[in-house]
Every structure is written in C-alpha cells, then in structure tokens.
Amino acid sequence: MQKPMVFFDGNCPVCSREIRFYRRRRGAEQIVWVDVNSCESAALPPGLDRASLLERFHVTDRQGNVNDGASAFIALWRELPGLKLLARIAGSKPVLPILEVLYLLFLKLRSSR
C-alpha cells in the first residue's frame, strides 16, 4: 500500500485555504500533499498531466486509484479520522451525485474569476 496523495491548485486562494484546513487535521501527516503548480513532473500520477490535475481536485488512495471531483474529497476524508463519518455519508449513493453537482458549480464560479 502507498500513502494517499492529494493534488491541489496552490494558486487558488479557496483551494489553498481548504488544503491548510485539511493539513492541520489529525492523520494529515500520513498523506502526501502535492501543489500541482510547483511540483516536478515526476510527482504527477501516471496518465495525468498538470492541466488535467488543475481542472479538478484529485486524490490517489492507498491502492493507487485516482479519484477526482467529489469522489476525491471523499477519498481524502476517509484518511482523516475526524472526517471518516462525513466520508461514509457523502459517499452514499443518494449523496455523492449531489456533491458532484455542487463541485461542478464551484468549478464554474472559480473559472469565472
């Protein structure tokens, strides 16, 4: 098993603020945090380029699966003890599609700035 990896846009003020929140949580030291804007290309997951990683939030889990969008948040929350219940609720069939729609709305707002 590998450490989970979080790929984030360090140039996005909202994203950076949220990542700071997660990095202060218990369990965050077991996660590799990668600012896609400033990392070496070798740090990117196979098959994904920098532009793709900047378009949506991505997290690789302990099995090496790449999750993006709302599923990526759930993968991250599963790794942080204080957020595991949230991950279980958010990952349920009725909730996940709603979270994905909300995430897409956030992306539209973010790109309009």
PDB file of N, CA and C in Angstrom:
ATOM      1  N   MET A   1       0.836  -1.189   0.000  1.00  0.00           N
ATOM      2  CA  MET A   1       0.000   0.000   0.000  1.00  0.00           C
ATOM      3  C   MET A   1       0.875   1.245   0.000  1.00  0.00           C
ATOM      4  N   GLN A   2       0.347   2.263  -0.612  1.00  0.00           N
ATOM      5  CA  GLN A   2       1.091   3.521  -0.686  1.00  0.00           C
ATOM      6  C   GLN A   2       0.359   4.592   0.114  1.00  0.00           C
ATOM      7  N   LYS A   3       1.074   5.677   0.370  1.00  0.00           N
ATOM      8  CA  LYS A   3       0.426   6.800   1.040  1.00  0.00           C
ATOM      9  C   LYS A   3      -0.528   7.478   0.068  1.00  0.00           C
ATOM     10  N   PRO A   4      -1.668   7.931   0.565  1.00  0.00           N
ATOM     11  CA  PRO A   4      -2.558   8.705  -0.302  1.00  0.00           C
ATOM     12  C   PRO A   4      -1.855   9.993  -0.732  1.00  0.00           C
ATOM     13  N   MET A   5      -2.226  10.484  -1.907  1.00  0.00           N
ATOM     14  CA  MET A   5      -1.645  11.720  -2.420  1.00  0.00           C
ATOM     15  C   MET A   5      -2.772  12.671  -2.805  1.00  0.00           C
ATOM     16  N   VAL A   6      -2.643  13.913  -2.368  1.00  0.00           N
ATOM     17  CA  VAL A   6      -3.619  14.956  -2.675  1.00  0.00           C
ATOM     18  C   VAL A   6      -2.956  15.923  -3.647  1.00  0.00           C
ATOM     19  N   PHE A   7      -3.589  16.128  -4.795  1.00  0.00           N
ATOM     20  CA  PHE A   7      -3.084  17.035  -5.828  1.00  0.00           C
ATOM     21  C   PHE A   7      -3.990  18.261  -5.848  1.00  0.00           C
ATOM     22  N   PHE A   8      -3.406  19.421  -5.534  1.00  0.00           N
ATOM     23  CA  PHE A   8      -4.217  20.622  -5.394  1.00  0.00           C
ATOM     24  C   PHE A   8      -3.589  21.800  -6.124  1.00  0.00           C
ATOM     25  N   ASP A   9      -4.416  22.805  -6.363  1.00  0.00           N
ATOM     26  CA  ASP A   9      -4.000  24.038  -7.034  1.00  0.00           C
ATOM     27  C   ASP A   9      -3.590  25.056  -5.978  1.00  0.00           C
ATOM     28  N   GLY A  10      -2.308  25.157  -5.749  1.00  0.00           N
ATOM     29  CA  GLY A  10      -1.789  26.081  -4.748  1.00  0.00           C
ATOM     30  C   GLY A  10      -1.938  27.542  -5.130  1.00  0.00           C
ATOM     31  N   ASN A  11      -2.284  27.831  -6.376  1.00  0.00           N
ATOM     32  CA  ASN A  11      -2.507  29.215  -6.804  1.00  0.00           C
ATOM     33  C   ASN A  11      -3.951  29.660  -6.605  1.00  0.00           C
ATOM     34  N   CYS A  12      -4.814  28.743  -6.237  1.00  0.00           N
ATOM     35  CA  CYS A  12      -6.221  29.066  -5.992  1.00  0.00           C
ATOM     36  C   CYS A  12      -6.377  29.399  -4.508  1.00  0.00           C
ATOM     37  N   PRO A  13      -6.759  30.633  -4.169  1.00  0.00           N
ATOM     38  CA  PRO A  13      -6.872  31.013  -2.753  1.00  0.00           C
ATOM     39  C   PRO A  13      -7.876  30.150  -1.970  1.00  0.00           C
ATOM     40  N   VAL A  14      -9.001  29.828  -2.573  1.00  0.00           N
ATOM     41  CA  VAL A  14     -10.001  28.997  -1.887  1.00  0.00           C
ATOM     42  C   VAL A  14      -9.443  27.593  -1.672  1.00  0.00           C
ATOM     43  N   CYS A  15      -8.823  27.042  -2.708  1.00  0.00           N
ATOM     44  CA  CYS A  15      -8.245  25.695  -2.616  1.00  0.00           C
ATOM     45  C   CYS A  15      -7.145  25.654  -1.549  1.00  0.00           C
ATOM     46  N   SER A  16      -6.280  26.637  -1.560  1.00  0.00           N
ATOM     47  CA  SER A  16      -5.174  26.677  -0.601  1.00  0.00           C
ATOM     48  C   SER A  16      -5.680  26.769   0.830  1.00  0.00           C
ATOM     49  N   ARG A  17      -6.704  27.568   1.040  1.00  0.00           N
ATOM     50  CA  ARG A  17      -7.279  27.709   2.386  1.00  0.00           C
ATOM     51  C   ARG A  17      -7.863  26.366   2.844  1.00  0.00           C
ATOM     52  N   GLU A  18      -8.550  25.680   1.941  1.00  0.00           N
ATOM     53  CA  GLU A  18      -9.131  24.387   2.294  1.00  0.00           C
ATOM     54  C   GLU A  18      -8.036  23.354   2.574  1.00  0.00           C
ATOM     55  N   ILE A  19      -7.005  23.338   1.771  1.00  0.00           N
ATOM     56  CA  ILE A  19      -5.904  22.389   1.988  1.00  0.00           C
ATOM     57  C   ILE A  19      -5.223  22.659   3.331  1.00  0.00           C
ATOM     58  N   ARG A  20      -5.049  23.936   3.690  1.00  0.00           N
ATOM     59  CA  ARG A  20      -4.473  24.255   5.009  1.00  0.00           C
ATOM     60  C   ARG A  20      -5.334  23.663   6.126  1.00  0.00           C
ATOM     61  N   PHE A  21      -6.655  23.736   5.973  1.00  0.00           N
ATOM     62  CA  PHE A  21      -7.563  23.144   6.955  1.00  0.00           C
ATOM     63  C   PHE A  21      -7.296  21.641   7.085  1.00  0.00           C
ATOM     64  N   TYR A  22      -7.231  20.950   5.964  1.00  0.00           N
ATOM     65  CA  TYR A  22      -7.010  19.502   5.992  1.00  0.00           C
ATOM     66  C   TYR A  22      -5.638  19.143   6.544  1.00  0.00           C
ATOM     67  N   ARG A  23      -4.635  19.924   6.210  1.00  0.00           N
ATOM     68  CA  ARG A  23      -3.272  19.605   6.648  1.00  0.00           C
ATOM     69  C   ARG A  23      -3.092  19.767   8.148  1.00  0.00           C
ATOM     70  N   ARG A  24      -3.977  20.493   8.805  1.00  0.00           N
ATOM     71  CA  ARG A  24      -3.910  20.658  10.261  1.00  0.00           C
ATOM     72  C   ARG A  24      -4.651  19.547  11.000  1.00  0.00           C
ATOM     73  N   ARG A  25      -5.342  18.683  10.272  1.00  0.00           N
ATOM     74  CA  ARG A  25      -6.131  17.618  10.886  1.00  0.00           C
ATOM     75  C   ARG A  25      -5.238  16.443  11.299  1.00  0.00           C
ATOM     76  N   ARG A  26      -5.692  15.744  12.313  1.00  0.00           N
ATOM     77  CA  ARG A  26      -5.002  14.523  12.731  1.00  0.00           C
ATOM     78  C   ARG A  26      -5.042  13.540  11.563  1.00  0.00           C
ATOM     79  N   GLY A  27      -3.920  12.900  11.286  1.00  0.00           N
ATOM     80  CA  GLY A  27      -3.811  11.948  10.184  1.00  0.00           C
ATOM     81  C   GLY A  27      -3.227  12.551   8.915  1.00  0.00           C
ATOM     82  N   ALA A  28      -3.153  13.878   8.849  1.00  0.00           N
ATOM     83  CA  ALA A  28      -2.659  14.548   7.638  1.00  0.00           C
ATOM     84  C   ALA A  28      -1.193  14.247   7.351  1.00  0.00           C
ATOM     85  N   GLU A  29      -0.457  13.885   8.380  1.00  0.00           N
ATOM     86  CA  GLU A  29       0.964  13.577   8.185  1.00  0.00           C
ATOM     87  C   GLU A  29       1.168  12.276   7.406  1.00  0.00           C
ATOM     88  N   GLN A  30       0.113  11.491   7.269  1.00  0.00           N
ATOM     89  CA  GLN A  30       0.179  10.235   6.514  1.00  0.00           C
ATOM     90  C   GLN A  30      -0.192  10.414   5.042  1.00  0.00           C
ATOM     91  N   ILE A  31      -0.393  11.672   4.645  1.00  0.00           N
ATOM     92  CA  ILE A  31      -0.805  11.994   3.285  1.00  0.00           C
ATOM     93  C   ILE A  31       0.293  12.807   2.613  1.00  0.00           C
ATOM     94  N   VAL A  32       0.510  12.549   1.339  1.00  0.00           N
ATOM     95  CA  VAL A  32       1.464  13.346   0.553  1.00  0.00           C
ATOM     96  C   VAL A  32       0.668  14.465  -0.100  1.00  0.00           C
ATOM     97  N   TRP A  33       1.085  15.704   0.128  1.00  0.00           N
ATOM     98  CA  TRP A  33       0.394  16.883  -0.380  1.00  0.00           C
ATOM     99  C   TRP A  33       1.195  17.452  -1.539  1.00  0.00           C
ATOM    100  N   VAL A  34       0.587  17.536  -2.711  1.00  0.00           N
ATOM    101  CA  VAL A  34       1.307  17.958  -3.917  1.00  0.00           C
ATOM    102  C   VAL A  34       0.626  19.188  -4.518  1.00  0.00           C
ATOM    103  N   ASP A  35       1.352  20.319  -4.499  1.00  0.00           N
ATOM    104  CA  ASP A  35       0.881  21.513  -5.189  1.00  0.00           C
ATOM    105  C   ASP A  35       1.223  21.326  -6.658  1.00  0.00           C
ATOM    106  N   VAL A  36       0.216  21.151  -7.472  1.00  0.00           N
ATOM    107  CA  VAL A  36       0.402  20.822  -8.883  1.00  0.00           C
ATOM    108  C   VAL A  36       1.140  21.938  -9.627  1.00  0.00           C
ATOM    109  N   ASN A  37       1.024  23.164  -9.156  1.00  0.00           N
ATOM    110  CA  ASN A  37       1.687  24.292  -9.819  1.00  0.00           C
ATOM    111  C   ASN A  37       3.200  24.293  -9.642  1.00  0.00           C
ATOM    112  N   SER A  38       3.668  23.751  -8.541  1.00  0.00           N
ATOM    113  CA  SER A  38       5.093  23.872  -8.260  1.00  0.00           C
ATOM    114  C   SER A  38       5.844  22.551  -8.151  1.00  0.00           C
ATOM    115  N   CYS A  39       5.167  21.436  -8.354  1.00  0.00           N
ATOM    116  CA  CYS A  39       5.840  20.141  -8.213  1.00  0.00           C
ATOM    117  C   CYS A  39       6.586  19.772  -9.497  1.00  0.00           C
ATOM    118  N   GLU A  40       7.495  18.834  -9.363  1.00  0.00           N
ATOM    119  CA  GLU A  40       8.184  18.267 -10.516  1.00  0.00           C
ATOM    120  C   GLU A  40       7.202  17.385 -11.284  1.00  0.00           C
ATOM    121  N   SER A  41       7.379  17.269 -12.554  1.00  0.00           N
ATOM    122  CA  SER A  41       6.502  16.431 -13.379  1.00  0.00           C
ATOM    123  C   SER A  41       6.489  14.980 -12.904  1.00  0.00           C
ATOM    124  N   ALA A  42       7.597  14.518 -12.342  1.00  0.00           N
ATOM    125  CA  ALA A  42       7.681  13.131 -11.864  1.00  0.00           C
ATOM    126  C   ALA A  42       6.718  12.868 -10.702  1.00  0.00           C
ATOM    127  N   ALA A  43       6.259  13.916 -10.014  1.00  0.00           N
ATOM    128  CA  ALA A  43       5.341  13.745  -8.887  1.00  0.00           C
ATOM    129  C   ALA A  43       3.901  13.546  -9.341  1.00  0.00           C
ATOM    130  N   LEU A  44       3.626  13.768 -10.622  1.00  0.00           N
ATOM    131  CA  LEU A  44       2.258  13.639 -11.132  1.00  0.00           C
ATOM    132  C   LEU A  44       1.911  12.168 -11.330  1.00  0.00           C
ATOM    133  N   PRO A  45       0.653  11.804 -11.106  1.00  0.00           N
ATOM    134  CA  PRO A  45       0.274  10.401 -11.293  1.00  0.00           C
ATOM    135  C   PRO A  45       0.340  10.003 -12.763  1.00  0.00           C
ATOM    136  N   PRO A  46       0.663   8.755 -13.037  1.00  0.00           N
ATOM    137  CA  PRO A  46       0.734   8.291 -14.424  1.00  0.00           C
ATOM    138  C   PRO A  46      -0.576   8.544 -15.174  1.00  0.00           C
ATOM    139  N   GLY A  47      -0.446   9.027 -16.383  1.00  0.00           N
ATOM    140  CA  GLY A  47      -1.608   9.246 -17.231  1.00  0.00           C
ATOM    141  C   GLY A  47      -2.310  10.574 -17.040  1.00  0.00           C
ATOM    142  N   LEU A  48      -1.853  11.377 -16.077  1.00  0.00           N
ATOM    143  CA  LEU A  48      -2.473  12.679 -15.856  1.00  0.00           C
ATOM    144  C   LEU A  48      -1.435  13.786 -16.026  1.00  0.00           C
ATOM    145  N   ASP A  49      -1.816  14.814 -16.750  1.00  0.00           N
ATOM    146  CA  ASP A  49      -0.903  15.945 -16.915  1.00  0.00           C
ATOM    147  C   ASP A  49      -1.298  17.067 -15.959  1.00  0.00           C
ATOM    148  N   ARG A  50      -0.447  18.057 -15.884  1.00  0.00           N
ATOM    149  CA  ARG A  50      -0.634  19.178 -14.979  1.00  0.00           C
ATOM    150  C   ARG A  50      -1.978  19.888 -15.237  1.00  0.00           C
ATOM    151  N   ALA A  51      -2.306  20.112 -16.502  1.00  0.00           N
ATOM    152  CA  ALA A  51      -3.553  20.819 -16.835  1.00  0.00           C
ATOM    153  C   ALA A  51      -4.771  20.055 -16.329  1.00  0.00           C
ATOM    154  N   SER A  52      -4.781  18.745 -16.504  1.00  0.00           N
ATOM    155  CA  SER A  52      -5.908  17.930 -16.030  1.00  0.00           C
ATOM    156  C   SER A  52      -6.033  17.986 -14.514  1.00  0.00           C
ATOM    157  N   LEU A  53      -4.895  17.951 -13.843  1.00  0.00           N
ATOM    158  CA  LEU A  53      -4.904  17.984 -12.382  1.00  0.00           C
ATOM    159  C   LEU A  53      -5.345  19.342 -11.851  1.00  0.00           C
ATOM    160  N   LEU A  54      -5.114  20.393 -12.626  1.00  0.00           N
ATOM    161  CA  LEU A  54      -5.534  21.729 -12.199  1.00  0.00           C
ATOM    162  C   LEU A  54      -7.010  21.986 -12.483  1.00  0.00           C
ATOM    163  N   GLU A  55      -7.584  21.229 -13.397  1.00  0.00           N
ATOM    164  CA  GLU A  55      -9.003  21.408 -13.729  1.00  0.00           C
ATOM    165  C   GLU A  55      -9.925  20.890 -12.633  1.00  0.00           C
ATOM    166  N   ARG A  56      -9.519  19.800 -11.975  1.00  0.00           N
ATOM    167  CA  ARG A  56     -10.341  19.171 -10.940  1.00  0.00           C
ATOM    168  C   ARG A  56      -9.435  18.690  -9.811  1.00  0.00           C
ATOM    169  N   PHE A  57     -10.009  18.590  -8.623  1.00  0.00           N
ATOM    170  CA  PHE A  57      -9.305  18.083  -7.452  1.00  0.00           C
ATOM    171  C   PHE A  57      -9.091  16.580  -7.621  1.00  0.00           C
ATOM    172  N   HIS A  58      -7.868  16.097  -7.335  1.00  0.00           N
ATOM    173  CA  HIS A  58      -7.541  14.674  -7.479  1.00  0.00           C
ATOM    174  C   HIS A  58      -6.882  14.143  -6.208  1.00  0.00           C
ATOM    175  N   VAL A  59      -7.201  12.916  -5.866  1.00  0.00           N
ATOM    176  CA  VAL A  59      -6.593  12.218  -4.734  1.00  0.00           C
ATOM    177  C   VAL A  59      -6.353  10.774  -5.159  1.00  0.00           C
ATOM    178  N   THR A  60      -5.136  10.294  -4.934  1.00  0.00           N
ATOM    179  CA  THR A  60      -4.894   8.862  -5.123  1.00  0.00           C
ATOM    180  C   THR A  60      -5.034   8.198  -3.753  1.00  0.00           C
ATOM    181  N   ASP A  61      -5.702   7.064  -3.702  1.00  0.00           N
ATOM    182  CA  ASP A  61      -5.904   6.371  -2.436  1.00  0.00           C
ATOM    183  C   ASP A  61      -4.756   5.385  -2.176  1.00  0.00           C
ATOM    184  N   ARG A  62      -4.843   4.654  -1.103  1.00  0.00           N
ATOM    185  CA  ARG A  62      -3.771   3.732  -0.701  1.00  0.00           C
ATOM    186  C   ARG A  62      -3.562   2.594  -1.700  1.00  0.00           C
ATOM    187  N   GLN A  63      -4.561   2.293  -2.508  1.00  0.00           N
ATOM    188  CA  GLN A  63      -4.433   1.253  -3.523  1.00  0.00           C
ATOM    189  C   GLN A  63      -3.926   1.814  -4.853  1.00  0.00           C
ATOM    190  N   GLY A  64      -3.721   3.134  -4.915  1.00  0.00           N
ATOM    191  CA  GLY A  64      -3.236   3.757  -6.140  1.00  0.00           C
ATOM    192  C   GLY A  64      -4.326   4.200  -7.092  1.00  0.00           C
ATOM    193  N   ASN A  65      -5.592   4.058  -6.690  1.00  0.00           N
ATOM    194  CA  ASN A  65      -6.704   4.514  -7.525  1.00  0.00           C
ATOM    195  C   ASN A  65      -6.760   6.038  -7.529  1.00  0.00           C
ATOM    196  N   VAL A  66      -6.995   6.614  -8.691  1.00  0.00           N
ATOM    197  CA  VAL A  66      -7.115   8.065  -8.805  1.00  0.00           C
ATOM    198  C   VAL A  66      -8.587   8.443  -8.723  1.00  0.00           C
ATOM    199  N   ASN A  67      -8.900   9.322  -7.790  1.00  0.00           N
ATOM    200  CA  ASN A  67     -10.259   9.838  -7.609  1.00  0.00           C
ATOM    201  C   ASN A  67     -10.246  11.310  -7.967  1.00  0.00           C
ATOM    202  N   ASP A  68     -11.341  11.791  -8.567  1.00  0.00           N
ATOM    203  CA  ASP A  68     -11.396  13.216  -8.865  1.00  0.00           C
ATOM    204  C   ASP A  68     -12.761  13.775  -8.492  1.00  0.00           C
ATOM    205  N   GLY A  69     -12.833  15.110  -8.423  1.00  0.00           N
ATOM    206  CA  GLY A  69     -14.079  15.777  -8.069  1.00  0.00           C
ATOM    207  C   GLY A  69     -14.544  15.409  -6.670  1.00  0.00           C
ATOM    208  N   ALA A  70     -15.855  15.238  -6.516  1.00  0.00           N
ATOM    209  CA  ALA A  70     -16.427  14.918  -5.206  1.00  0.00           C
ATOM    210  C   ALA A  70     -15.852  13.610  -4.656  1.00  0.00           C
ATOM    211  N   SER A  71     -15.596  12.649  -5.514  1.00  0.00           N
ATOM    212  CA  SER A  71     -15.013  11.375  -5.061  1.00  0.00           C
ATOM    213  C   SER A  71     -13.632  11.569  -4.457  1.00  0.00           C
ATOM    214  N   ALA A  72     -12.899  12.549  -4.943  1.00  0.00           N
ATOM    215  CA  ALA A  72     -11.574  12.840  -4.385  1.00  0.00           C
ATOM    216  C   ALA A  72     -11.694  13.368  -2.960  1.00  0.00           C
ATOM    217  N   PHE A  73     -12.677  14.224  -2.727  1.00  0.00           N
ATOM    218  CA  PHE A  73     -12.878  14.712  -1.363  1.00  0.00           C
ATOM    219  C   PHE A  73     -13.215  13.565  -0.434  1.00  0.00           C
ATOM    220  N   ILE A  74     -14.054  12.660  -0.887  1.00  0.00           N
ATOM    221  CA  ILE A  74     -14.423  11.518  -0.056  1.00  0.00           C
ATOM    222  C   ILE A  74     -13.202  10.655   0.235  1.00  0.00           C
ATOM    223  N   ALA A  75     -12.353  10.447  -0.764  1.00  0.00           N
ATOM    224  CA  ALA A  75     -11.121   9.672  -0.556  1.00  0.00           C
ATOM    225  C   ALA A  75     -10.233  10.355   0.486  1.00  0.00           C
ATOM    226  N   LEU A  76     -10.156  11.669   0.440  1.00  0.00           N
ATOM    227  CA  LEU A  76      -9.371  12.413   1.434  1.00  0.00           C
ATOM    228  C   LEU A  76     -10.002  12.292   2.810  1.00  0.00           C
ATOM    229  N   TRP A  77     -11.302  12.503   2.899  1.00  0.00           N
ATOM    230  CA  TRP A  77     -11.980  12.440   4.196  1.00  0.00           C
ATOM    231  C   TRP A  77     -11.845  11.066   4.839  1.00  0.00           C
ATOM    232  N   ARG A  78     -11.778  10.012   4.036  1.00  0.00           N
ATOM    233  CA  ARG A  78     -11.597   8.659   4.590  1.00  0.00           C
ATOM    234  C   ARG A  78     -10.267   8.512   5.316  1.00  0.00           C
ATOM    235  N   GLU A  79      -9.305   9.329   4.953  1.00  0.00           N
ATOM    236  CA  GLU A  79      -7.966   9.245   5.550  1.00  0.00           C
ATOM    237  C   GLU A  79      -7.819  10.060   6.836  1.00  0.00           C
ATOM    238  N   LEU A  80      -8.755  10.937   7.095  1.00  0.00           N
ATOM    239  CA  LEU A  80      -8.648  11.816   8.262  1.00  0.00           C
ATOM    240  C   LEU A  80      -9.655  11.365   9.315  1.00  0.00           C
ATOM    241  N   PRO A  81      -9.152  10.886  10.475  1.00  0.00           N
ATOM    242  CA  PRO A  81     -10.040  10.283  11.472  1.00  0.00           C
ATOM    243  C   PRO A  81     -11.280  11.112  11.815  1.00  0.00           C
ATOM    244  N   GLY A  82     -11.152  12.408  11.937  1.00  0.00           N
ATOM    245  CA  GLY A  82     -12.299  13.235  12.292  1.00  0.00           C
ATOM    246  C   GLY A  82     -13.312  13.419  11.179  1.00  0.00           C
ATOM    247  N   LEU A  83     -12.993  12.953   9.979  1.00  0.00           N
ATOM    248  CA  LEU A  83     -13.889  13.152   8.836  1.00  0.00           C
ATOM    249  C   LEU A  83     -14.387  11.837   8.223  1.00  0.00           C
ATOM    250  N   LYS A  84     -14.069  10.724   8.854  1.00  0.00           N
ATOM    251  CA  LYS A  84     -14.465   9.420   8.293  1.00  0.00           C
ATOM    252  C   LYS A  84     -15.979   9.247   8.222  1.00  0.00           C
ATOM    253  N   LEU A  85     -16.704   9.738   9.218  1.00  0.00           N
ATOM    254  CA  LEU A  85     -18.159   9.638   9.179  1.00  0.00           C
ATOM    255  C   LEU A  85     -18.716  10.468   8.023  1.00  0.00           C
ATOM    256  N   LEU A  86     -18.169  11.664   7.850  1.00  0.00           N
ATOM    257  CA  LEU A  86     -18.581  12.505   6.724  1.00  0.00           C
ATOM    258  C   LEU A  86     -18.338  11.775   5.404  1.00  0.00           C
ATOM    259  N   ALA A  87     -17.204  11.102   5.295  1.00  0.00           N
ATOM    260  CA  ALA A  87     -16.886  10.348   4.073  1.00  0.00           C
ATOM    261  C   ALA A  87     -17.917   9.257   3.824  1.00  0.00           C
ATOM    262  N   ARG A  88     -18.316   8.579   4.882  1.00  0.00           N
ATOM    263  CA  ARG A  88     -19.289   7.496   4.730  1.00  0.00           C
ATOM    264  C   ARG A  88     -20.641   8.033   4.254  1.00  0.00           C
ATOM    265  N   ILE A  89     -21.061   9.145   4.846  1.00  0.00           N
ATOM    266  CA  ILE A  89     -22.344   9.747   4.460  1.00  0.00           C
ATOM    267  C   ILE A  89     -22.252  10.294   3.034  1.00  0.00           C
ATOM    268  N   ALA A  90     -21.185  11.054   2.757  1.00  0.00           N
ATOM    269  CA  ALA A  90     -21.030  11.697   1.441  1.00  0.00           C
ATOM    270  C   ALA A  90     -20.852  10.681   0.326  1.00  0.00           C
ATOM    271  N   GLY A  91     -20.291   9.535   0.638  1.00  0.00           N
ATOM    272  CA  GLY A  91     -20.061   8.517  -0.376  1.00  0.00           C
ATOM    273  C   GLY A  91     -21.264   7.648  -0.670  1.00  0.00           C
ATOM    274  N   SER A  92     -22.365   7.880   0.026  1.00  0.00           N
ATOM    275  CA  SER A  92     -23.559   7.060  -0.213  1.00  0.00           C
ATOM    276  C   SER A  92     -24.196   7.422  -1.553  1.00  0.00           C
ATOM    277  N   LYS A  93     -24.908   6.463  -2.109  1.00  0.00           N
ATOM    278  CA  LYS A  93     -25.486   6.642  -3.455  1.00  0.00           C
ATOM    279  C   LYS A  93     -26.354   7.889  -3.595  1.00  0.00           C
ATOM    280  N   PRO A  94     -27.209   8.227  -2.625  1.00  0.00           N
ATOM    281  CA  PRO A  94     -28.024   9.423  -2.857  1.00  0.00           C
ATOM    282  C   PRO A  94     -27.253  10.741  -2.713  1.00  0.00           C
ATOM    283  N   VAL A  95     -26.161  10.738  -1.962  1.00  0.00           N
ATOM    284  CA  VAL A  95     -25.459  11.992  -1.652  1.00  0.00           C
ATOM    285  C   VAL A  95     -24.360  12.311  -2.664  1.00  0.00           C
ATOM    286  N   LEU A  96     -23.608  11.329  -3.092  1.00  0.00           N
ATOM    287  CA  LEU A  96     -22.460  11.576  -3.971  1.00  0.00           C
ATOM    288  C   LEU A  96     -22.825  12.345  -5.248  1.00  0.00           C
ATOM    289  N   PRO A  97     -23.888  11.995  -5.961  1.00  0.00           N
ATOM    290  CA  PRO A  97     -24.212  12.770  -7.175  1.00  0.00           C
ATOM    291  C   PRO A  97     -24.526  14.241  -6.881  1.00  0.00           C
ATOM    292  N   ILE A  98     -25.143  14.497  -5.741  1.00  0.00           N
ATOM    293  CA  ILE A  98     -25.440  15.882  -5.357  1.00  0.00           C
ATOM    294  C   ILE A  98     -24.150  16.632  -5.088  1.00  0.00           C
ATOM    295  N   LEU A  99     -23.217  15.994  -4.394  1.00  0.00           N
ATOM    296  CA  LEU A  99     -21.926  16.624  -4.125  1.00  0.00           C
ATOM    297  C   LEU A  99     -21.165  16.911  -5.415  1.00  0.00           C
ATOM    298  N   GLU A 100     -21.266  16.016  -6.371  1.00  0.00           N
ATOM    299  CA  GLU A 100     -20.578  16.231  -7.649  1.00  0.00           C
ATOM    300  C   GLU A 100     -21.162  17.442  -8.372  1.00  0.00           C
ATOM    301  N   VAL A 101     -22.474  17.590  -8.349  1.00  0.00           N
ATOM    302  CA  VAL A 101     -23.110  18.771  -8.962  1.00  0.00           C
ATOM    303  C   VAL A 101     -22.647  20.046  -8.258  1.00  0.00           C
ATOM    304  N   LEU A 102     -22.603  20.026  -6.944  1.00  0.00           N
ATOM    305  CA  LEU A 102     -22.130  21.196  -6.194  1.00  0.00           C
ATOM    306  C   LEU A 102     -20.675  21.503  -6.521  1.00  0.00           C
ATOM    307  N   TYR A 103     -19.868  20.461  -6.672  1.00  0.00           N
ATOM    308  CA  TYR A 103     -18.470  20.664  -7.035  1.00  0.00           C
ATOM    309  C   TYR A 103     -18.364  21.294  -8.428  1.00  0.00           C
ATOM    310  N   LEU A 104     -19.166  20.829  -9.369  1.00  0.00           N
ATOM    311  CA  LEU A 104     -19.156  21.405 -10.716  1.00  0.00           C
ATOM    312  C   LEU A 104     -19.565  22.876 -10.688  1.00  0.00           C
ATOM    313  N   LEU A 105     -20.519  23.225  -9.840  1.00  0.00           N
ATOM    314  CA  LEU A 105     -20.905  24.632  -9.684  1.00  0.00           C
ATOM    315  C   LEU A 105     -19.748  25.454  -9.135  1.00  0.00           C
ATOM    316  N   PHE A 106     -19.047  24.902  -8.150  1.00  0.00           N
ATOM    317  CA  PHE A 106     -17.868  25.586  -7.620  1.00  0.00           C
ATOM    318  C   PHE A 106     -16.835  25.821  -8.727  1.00  0.00           C
ATOM    319  N   LEU A 107     -16.604  24.821  -9.563  1.00  0.00           N
ATOM    320  CA  LEU A 107     -15.629  24.960 -10.647  1.00  0.00           C
ATOM    321  C   LEU A 107     -16.030  26.066 -11.612  1.00  0.00           C
ATOM    322  N   LYS A 108     -17.326  26.183 -11.899  1.00  0.00           N
ATOM    323  CA  LYS A 108     -17.785  27.256 -12.797  1.00  0.00           C
ATOM    324  C   LYS A 108     -17.545  28.618 -12.169  1.00  0.00           C
ATOM    325  N   LEU A 109     -17.828  28.743 -10.878  1.00  0.00           N
ATOM    326  CA  LEU A 109     -17.568  30.017 -10.189  1.00  0.00           C
ATOM    327  C   LEU A 109     -16.083  30.330 -10.168  1.00  0.00           C
ATOM    328  N   ARG A 110     -15.284  29.320  -9.912  1.00  0.00           N
ATOM    329  CA  ARG A 110     -13.836  29.501  -9.848  1.00  0.00           C
ATOM    330  C   ARG A 110     -13.277  29.948 -11.187  1.00  0.00           C
ATOM    331  N   SER A 111     -13.753  29.367 -12.276  1.00  0.00           N
ATOM    332  CA  SER A 111     -13.215  29.698 -13.602  1.00  0.00           C
ATOM    333  C   SER A 111     -13.714  31.049 -14.099  1.00  0.00           C
ATOM    334  N   SER A 112     -14.796  31.556 -13.515  1.00  0.00           N
ATOM    335  CA  SER A 112     -15.315  32.849 -13.961  1.00  0.00           C
ATOM    336  C   SER A 112     -14.574  34.019 -13.318  1.00  0.00           C
ATOM    337  N   ARG A 113     -13.687  33.732 -12.416  1.00  0.00           N
ATOM    338  CA  ARG A 113     -12.929  34.812 -11.744  1.00  0.00           C
ATOM    339  C   ARG A 113     -11.690  35.161 -12.494  1.00  0.00           C
TER     340      ARG A 113
END
